[in-house]
Amino acid sequence: MTFDWQKIVEIFWQRPEVIRQIVESYGPYGPLAFVFLQALQVVVAPLPGEVTGFVAGYLFGAFWGFIYAMIGITIGASLAFFLARHFRRFFARRLSRSEHFRRLEIFMRRRGLFAVFICYLFPGFPKDYLNYFVGLFPIPFKVFLVIMIVGRIPGTLALALQGASLYEKNWTMLAIIGGLSLLLLGLFYWKRKEIYEYLDKNAHSLS
């Protein structure tokens, strides 16, 4: 079975109730189906995780949407980590073409795990690809798991709250959370050079 992610996104934005009905058609297995799709999204990365996090809140409400999204993210990120560790040469060749990951390589070689946490924390960074990158280094899986989960909790929770607010037509909450998310995203892009320079200079003392 294949998934047309572009069509799914189009359906969600145009007729979000359709996706809700599809998930509900699985009955008690609806959450399991979503967790599977979320994990698949992280491994294959056809869409930004922000999209599925938002959908989770719309489908299941803020609390359970956050829980299901985090379970899927954790499973997918773990699979990506082990895939990168097993096929190290393949992924190293592909990721080395990215300027972001070349910078991260410098941070990591200086034992700058804090740099990786920052990348998971801030919105807009390609976190799904970051899972593969971290797997290329001799970092214990437990350490990776803690950094990844803690770093992704704030953004995933905010997205689930936005999705739930849309379903409940709570426009005030949707505007507040959306505004704060955009503010953080804008702040990150405005100060990204300073953040990179700070991490580059201090990575050795932040591990």
Protein backbone atom coordinates (compact mmCIF):
# COMPACT_ATOMS: atom_id res chain seq x y z
CA MET A 1 0.00 0.00 0.00
CA THR A 2 1.34 3.43 -0.95
CA PHE A 3 0.42 6.84 0.39
CA ASP A 4 0.05 9.96 -1.75
CA TRP A 5 1.27 12.43 0.86
CA GLN A 6 0.60 15.47 -1.31
CA LYS A 7 -2.99 14.40 -1.79
CA ILE A 8 -3.38 13.75 1.94
CA VAL A 9 -2.21 17.29 2.72
CA GLU A 10 -4.52 18.76 0.07
CA ILE A 11 -7.45 16.83 1.51
CA PHE A 12 -6.59 17.93 5.03
CA TRP A 13 -6.45 21.61 4.19
CA GLN A 14 -9.54 21.51 1.97
CA ARG A 15 -11.68 18.92 3.77
CA PRO A 16 -10.03 17.92 7.07
CA GLU A 17 -13.11 16.02 8.17
CA VAL A 18 -12.41 13.44 5.44
CA ILE A 19 -9.16 12.37 7.11
CA ARG A 20 -10.89 12.19 10.47
CA GLN A 21 -13.51 9.87 8.98
CA ILE A 22 -10.82 7.69 7.40
CA VAL A 23 -9.03 7.25 10.74
CA GLU A 24 -12.29 6.63 12.58
CA SER A 25 -13.16 3.95 10.01
CA TYR A 26 -10.41 1.82 11.56
CA GLY A 27 -12.39 1.82 14.80
CA PRO A 28 -10.22 1.02 17.83
CA TYR A 29 -7.24 0.60 15.50
CA GLY A 30 -7.43 4.21 14.31
CA PRO A 31 -4.72 5.45 16.70
CA LEU A 32 -2.50 2.51 15.72
CA ALA A 33 -2.94 3.38 12.04
CA PHE A 34 -1.95 6.97 12.71
CA VAL A 35 1.10 5.96 14.78
CA PHE A 36 2.21 3.76 11.88
CA LEU A 37 1.80 6.64 9.40
CA GLN A 38 3.63 9.02 11.73
CA ALA A 39 6.54 6.60 12.12
CA LEU A 40 6.63 6.04 8.36
CA GLN A 41 6.66 9.79 7.79
CA VAL A 42 9.72 10.15 10.03
CA VAL A 43 11.62 7.34 8.30
CA VAL A 44 10.74 8.26 4.71
CA ALA A 45 10.36 12.00 5.43
CA PRO A 46 8.06 12.89 2.50
CA LEU A 47 6.56 15.73 4.53
CA PRO A 48 7.68 18.01 7.35
CA GLY A 49 6.78 16.57 10.75
CA GLU A 50 4.91 19.80 11.46
CA VAL A 51 2.13 18.65 9.13
CA THR A 52 1.48 15.31 10.82
CA GLY A 53 1.78 16.82 14.29
CA PHE A 54 -0.96 19.28 13.40
CA VAL A 55 -3.13 16.51 11.95
CA ALA A 56 -2.70 14.47 15.16
CA GLY A 57 -4.23 17.23 17.27
CA TYR A 58 -7.10 17.63 14.83
CA LEU A 59 -7.88 13.91 14.80
CA PHE A 60 -7.45 12.97 18.45
CA GLY A 61 -7.48 16.17 20.47
CA ALA A 62 -4.54 17.95 22.09
CA PHE A 63 -3.61 15.33 24.70
CA TRP A 64 -3.99 12.09 22.76
CA GLY A 65 -2.86 13.71 19.53
CA PHE A 66 0.37 14.71 21.27
CA ILE A 67 0.80 11.22 22.76
CA TYR A 68 0.19 9.38 19.47
CA ALA A 69 2.41 11.78 17.54
CA MET A 70 5.27 11.38 20.01
CA ILE A 71 4.95 7.58 19.95
CA GLY A 72 5.14 7.61 16.15
CA ILE A 73 8.00 10.08 16.15
CA THR A 74 9.94 8.01 18.67
CA ILE A 75 9.47 4.77 16.72
CA GLY A 76 10.37 6.43 13.42
CA ALA A 77 13.38 8.28 14.81
CA SER A 78 14.69 5.08 16.39
CA LEU A 79 14.38 3.21 13.10
CA ALA A 80 16.15 6.03 11.24
CA PHE A 81 18.94 6.05 13.85
CA PHE A 82 19.58 2.30 13.47
CA LEU A 83 19.29 2.43 9.67
CA ALA A 84 21.96 5.13 9.55
CA ARG A 85 24.15 3.14 11.91
CA HIS A 86 23.80 0.01 9.78
CA PHE A 87 24.19 1.75 6.39
CA ARG A 88 26.71 4.30 7.58
CA ARG A 89 28.50 4.87 4.26
CA PHE A 90 25.31 5.38 2.26
CA PHE A 91 23.88 8.03 4.56
CA ALA A 92 27.22 9.75 5.20
CA ARG A 93 27.61 10.29 1.46
CA ARG A 94 24.16 11.82 1.10
CA LEU A 95 24.15 14.02 4.21
CA SER A 96 27.62 15.39 3.56
CA ARG A 97 26.17 17.49 0.72
CA SER A 98 24.16 19.64 3.14
CA GLU A 99 25.68 22.77 4.67
CA HIS A 100 23.59 22.31 7.80
CA PHE A 101 24.93 18.84 8.39
CA ARG A 102 28.52 19.87 7.70
CA ARG A 103 28.16 22.37 10.52
CA LEU A 104 26.59 19.75 12.73
CA GLU A 105 29.47 17.42 12.00
CA ILE A 106 31.87 20.02 13.41
CA PHE A 107 29.67 20.39 16.50
CA MET A 108 29.45 16.66 17.03
CA ARG A 109 33.16 16.06 16.63
CA ARG A 110 33.67 18.61 19.38
CA ARG A 111 31.24 16.60 21.53
CA GLY A 112 28.58 19.23 21.12
CA LEU A 113 25.46 17.21 21.87
CA PHE A 114 23.82 20.44 22.97
CA ALA A 115 23.96 21.58 19.32
CA VAL A 116 21.86 18.58 18.30
CA PHE A 117 19.34 19.32 21.05
CA ILE A 118 18.98 22.89 19.79
CA CYS A 119 18.29 21.62 16.27
CA TYR A 120 15.54 19.31 17.57
CA LEU A 121 14.10 22.10 19.68
CA PHE A 122 13.76 24.89 17.13
CA PRO A 123 11.04 24.78 14.46
CA GLY A 124 11.96 24.62 10.81
CA PHE A 125 15.06 22.44 11.09
CA PRO A 126 14.84 19.14 9.10
CA LYS A 127 14.57 16.94 12.19
CA ASP A 128 13.68 13.76 10.31
CA TYR A 129 17.02 13.88 8.48
CA LEU A 130 18.76 14.76 11.72
CA ASN A 131 17.84 11.31 13.08
CA TYR A 132 19.94 9.72 10.35
CA PHE A 133 22.81 12.12 10.91
CA VAL A 134 23.09 11.42 14.63
CA GLY A 135 23.11 7.69 13.89
CA LEU A 136 26.40 8.13 12.03
CA PHE A 137 28.24 8.95 15.25
CA PRO A 138 29.22 6.62 18.11
CA ILE A 139 26.52 8.00 20.38
CA PRO A 140 24.65 5.58 22.66
CA PHE A 141 21.08 5.03 21.56
CA LYS A 142 19.75 5.96 25.00
CA VAL A 143 21.48 9.35 24.83
CA PHE A 144 20.06 9.99 21.36
CA LEU A 145 16.58 9.00 22.52
CA VAL A 146 16.59 11.42 25.45
CA ILE A 147 17.88 14.34 23.34
CA MET A 148 15.40 13.64 20.55
CA ILE A 149 12.34 13.20 22.78
CA VAL A 150 12.99 16.22 25.01
CA GLY A 151 13.83 18.36 21.99
CA ARG A 152 10.67 17.42 20.08
CA ILE A 153 8.16 17.64 22.93
CA PRO A 154 7.56 21.45 22.84
CA GLY A 155 7.02 21.68 19.08
CA THR A 156 4.86 18.56 18.88
CA LEU A 157 2.70 19.71 21.78
CA ALA A 158 2.23 23.14 20.19
CA LEU A 159 1.20 21.56 16.89
CA ALA A 160 -1.25 19.17 18.57
CA LEU A 161 -2.80 22.11 20.42
CA GLN A 162 -3.18 24.00 17.15
CA GLY A 163 -4.81 21.03 15.43
CA ALA A 164 -7.20 20.50 18.34
CA SER A 165 -8.05 24.21 18.39
CA LEU A 166 -8.92 24.09 14.68
CA TYR A 167 -11.24 21.11 15.18
CA GLU A 168 -12.90 22.76 18.18
CA LYS A 169 -13.01 26.10 16.30
CA ASN A 170 -11.22 27.73 19.20
CA TRP A 171 -9.83 30.54 17.08
CA THR A 172 -8.36 32.45 20.01
CA MET A 173 -6.20 29.53 21.15
CA LEU A 174 -5.26 28.74 17.56
CA ALA A 175 -4.14 32.32 16.97
CA ILE A 176 -2.16 32.50 20.22
CA ILE A 177 -0.26 29.23 19.70
CA GLY A 178 0.23 29.88 15.99
CA GLY A 179 1.51 33.37 16.73
CA LEU A 180 3.97 32.12 19.34
CA SER A 181 5.21 29.40 16.97
CA LEU A 182 5.74 31.90 14.18
CA LEU A 183 7.53 34.20 16.60
CA LEU A 184 9.93 31.45 17.65
CA LEU A 185 10.48 30.42 14.05
CA GLY A 186 11.19 34.01 13.05
CA LEU A 187 13.53 34.45 16.01
CA PHE A 188 15.46 31.33 15.06
CA TYR A 189 15.92 32.41 11.45
CA TRP A 190 16.80 35.95 12.49
CA LYS A 191 19.43 34.76 14.96
CA ARG A 192 20.49 31.54 13.21
CA LYS A 193 23.97 32.82 12.34
CA GLU A 194 24.62 33.88 15.93
CA ILE A 195 23.30 30.52 17.18
CA TYR A 196 25.57 28.58 14.81
CA GLU A 197 28.58 30.71 15.78
CA TYR A 198 27.85 30.34 19.50
CA LEU A 199 27.50 26.57 19.24
CA ASP A 200 30.62 26.34 17.10
CA LYS A 201 32.68 28.22 19.69
CA ASN A 202 31.22 26.57 22.77
CA ALA A 203 30.38 23.03 21.66
CA HIS A 204 33.38 21.59 23.48
CA SER A 205 32.10 22.93 26.79
CA LEU A 206 28.45 22.02 26.29
CA SER A 207 28.71 18.26 25.93
